[in-house]
Amino acid sequence: MDLDNEYKGKRFRVVHCNGAMESFEKAKKHLSRQKAKSFSRGMAHQIQRLADGHKMTKENFPPEGDLPPQAGKKRFYALKRIPIRGYCWLSSKYPNTYFLSHYVYKDYQKLADKDINKVCENWVRIEENGNGR
């Protein structure tokens, strides 16, 4: 089972940004073939839960970092299924929409600057410039 580009739920829409699906496939290459297959199902289920508005725990949906200053004091979050995380934010421009920036295989704790930069670049492109997904 692969991830879909967009999930429409009872409460939210979750949209993968350009390149997010490719980053998921790259992150999965660190997993065994069997684990990668079940991992995709699990991540799809977690995204659908978010789209349906189910309560997400801080353990598997923690706030990770700050969005650019022009966003105000807003943060982005991680859809966390160890060892892969998908970074996302709730849009201010598009009602009830989460944008999933990208995924990373993460075998370390600290949030990497390159991941902050990638989320912020996608945020500016979508929220300020209105440039697609």
Protein backbone atom coordinates (compact mmCIF):
# COMPACT_ATOMS: atom_id res chain seq x y z
CA MET A 1 0.00 0.00 0.00
CA ASP A 2 1.36 3.36 -1.00
CA LEU A 3 0.48 6.73 0.44
CA ASP A 4 -2.01 8.94 -1.36
CA ASN A 5 -1.16 12.50 -2.44
CA GLU A 6 -4.20 13.79 -0.56
CA TYR A 7 -6.42 12.54 2.24
CA LYS A 8 -9.88 13.97 2.84
CA GLY A 9 -11.25 13.26 6.25
CA LYS A 10 -14.22 14.23 8.39
CA ARG A 11 -12.42 17.32 9.69
CA PHE A 12 -9.26 18.04 7.68
CA ARG A 13 -7.62 17.61 4.34
CA VAL A 14 -4.00 16.40 4.42
CA VAL A 15 -1.97 17.24 1.31
CA HIS A 16 1.54 16.03 0.49
CA CYS A 17 3.80 18.84 -0.75
CA ASN A 18 5.77 18.39 -3.95
CA GLY A 19 8.55 15.91 -3.28
CA ALA A 20 7.05 14.53 -0.05
CA MET A 21 6.14 11.16 -1.56
CA GLU A 22 9.66 10.77 -2.94
CA SER A 23 11.14 11.57 0.49
CA PHE A 24 8.90 8.87 2.02
CA GLU A 25 10.18 6.29 -0.47
CA LYS A 26 13.77 7.35 0.26
CA ALA A 27 13.22 7.08 4.04
CA LYS A 28 11.66 3.61 3.64
CA LYS A 29 14.82 2.29 1.96
CA HIS A 30 16.35 2.08 5.44
CA LEU A 31 13.74 -0.54 6.38
CA SER A 32 13.49 -4.21 5.42
CA ARG A 33 11.10 -4.96 2.55
CA GLN A 34 8.52 -6.58 4.89
CA LYS A 35 8.72 -3.77 7.44
CA ALA A 36 8.45 -1.13 4.69
CA LYS A 37 5.17 -2.63 3.47
CA SER A 38 3.55 -2.65 6.91
CA PHE A 39 5.07 0.74 7.66
CA SER A 40 3.30 2.31 4.65
CA ARG A 41 -0.04 0.93 5.86
CA GLY A 42 0.59 2.29 9.35
CA MET A 43 1.56 5.74 8.12
CA ALA A 44 -1.48 5.90 5.82
CA HIS A 45 -3.68 4.97 8.78
CA GLN A 46 -2.08 7.66 10.94
CA ILE A 47 -2.58 10.32 8.24
CA GLN A 48 -6.23 9.29 7.85
CA ARG A 49 -6.70 9.57 11.64
CA LEU A 50 -5.34 13.13 11.46
CA ALA A 51 -7.64 13.92 8.53
CA ASP A 52 -10.64 12.56 10.42
CA GLY A 53 -9.84 14.81 13.38
CA HIS A 54 -9.01 12.08 15.89
CA LYS A 55 -7.04 13.13 18.93
CA MET A 56 -3.34 12.68 18.27
CA THR A 57 -0.99 12.08 21.19
CA LYS A 58 2.11 14.18 21.74
CA GLU A 59 4.07 10.95 21.44
CA ASN A 60 3.13 10.38 17.80
CA PHE A 61 2.24 13.96 16.81
CA PRO A 62 4.63 16.24 18.72
CA PRO A 63 5.26 19.91 17.96
CA GLU A 64 8.72 19.93 16.37
CA GLY A 65 9.78 23.44 15.39
CA ASP A 66 8.79 26.98 14.57
CA LEU A 67 7.40 28.10 11.24
CA PRO A 68 8.90 31.29 9.70
CA PRO A 69 8.44 34.48 11.76
CA GLN A 70 5.84 35.83 9.32
CA ALA A 71 3.57 32.92 10.35
CA GLY A 72 3.30 34.37 13.84
CA LYS A 73 4.11 32.09 16.73
CA LYS A 74 3.01 28.94 14.93
CA ARG A 75 4.75 25.60 14.95
CA PHE A 76 5.02 22.60 12.70
CA TYR A 77 4.46 19.02 13.84
CA ALA A 78 5.84 15.55 13.19
CA LEU A 79 3.76 12.54 12.25
CA LYS A 80 5.99 10.18 14.13
CA ARG A 81 6.23 6.46 13.39
CA ILE A 82 9.64 5.41 14.54
CA PRO A 83 12.04 5.54 12.72
CA ILE A 84 10.38 7.83 10.13
CA ARG A 85 8.85 11.25 10.69
CA GLY A 86 6.70 13.35 8.39
CA TYR A 87 6.77 17.08 9.06
CA CYS A 88 3.54 19.05 8.60
CA TRP A 89 1.71 22.26 9.49
CA LEU A 90 -1.90 23.41 9.70
CA SER A 91 -2.47 25.99 6.98
CA SER A 92 -3.67 29.50 7.72
CA LYS A 93 -4.39 30.17 4.04
CA TYR A 94 -6.29 26.99 3.16
CA PRO A 95 -9.04 26.18 5.69
CA ASN A 96 -8.84 22.87 7.53
CA THR A 97 -5.78 21.75 5.58
CA TYR A 98 -2.54 20.21 6.78
CA PHE A 99 0.40 20.24 4.41
CA LEU A 100 2.89 17.40 4.80
CA SER A 101 6.26 18.87 3.83
CA HIS A 102 8.54 15.83 3.72
CA TYR A 103 9.63 12.66 5.49
CA VAL A 104 12.94 11.69 7.05
CA TYR A 105 14.45 8.52 8.38
CA LYS A 106 15.48 9.61 11.85
CA ASP A 107 17.87 7.65 14.05
CA TYR A 108 18.76 10.72 16.11
CA GLN A 109 16.82 13.00 18.48
CA LYS A 110 17.71 16.58 17.56
CA LEU A 111 15.70 18.33 14.86
CA ALA A 112 18.06 18.99 11.94
CA ASP A 113 18.40 22.49 10.49
CA LYS A 114 17.91 21.08 6.98
CA ASP A 115 14.48 19.76 8.03
CA ILE A 116 13.48 23.11 9.55
CA ASN A 117 14.61 24.85 6.36
CA LYS A 118 12.67 22.42 4.12
CA VAL A 119 9.43 22.92 6.08
CA CYS A 120 9.90 26.71 6.07
CA GLU A 121 10.63 26.77 2.31
CA ASN A 122 7.47 24.79 1.63
CA TRP A 123 5.49 27.01 4.00
CA VAL A 124 6.62 30.21 2.20
CA ARG A 125 5.96 28.68 -1.22
CA ILE A 126 2.41 27.61 -0.28
CA GLU A 127 1.22 30.06 2.37
CA GLU A 128 2.78 33.27 1.05
CA ASN A 129 3.26 32.64 -2.65
CA GLY A 130 0.17 30.47 -3.16
CA ASN A 131 2.25 28.06 -5.23
CA GLY A 132 0.38 24.75 -5.34
CA ARG A 133 1.31 22.02 -2.97
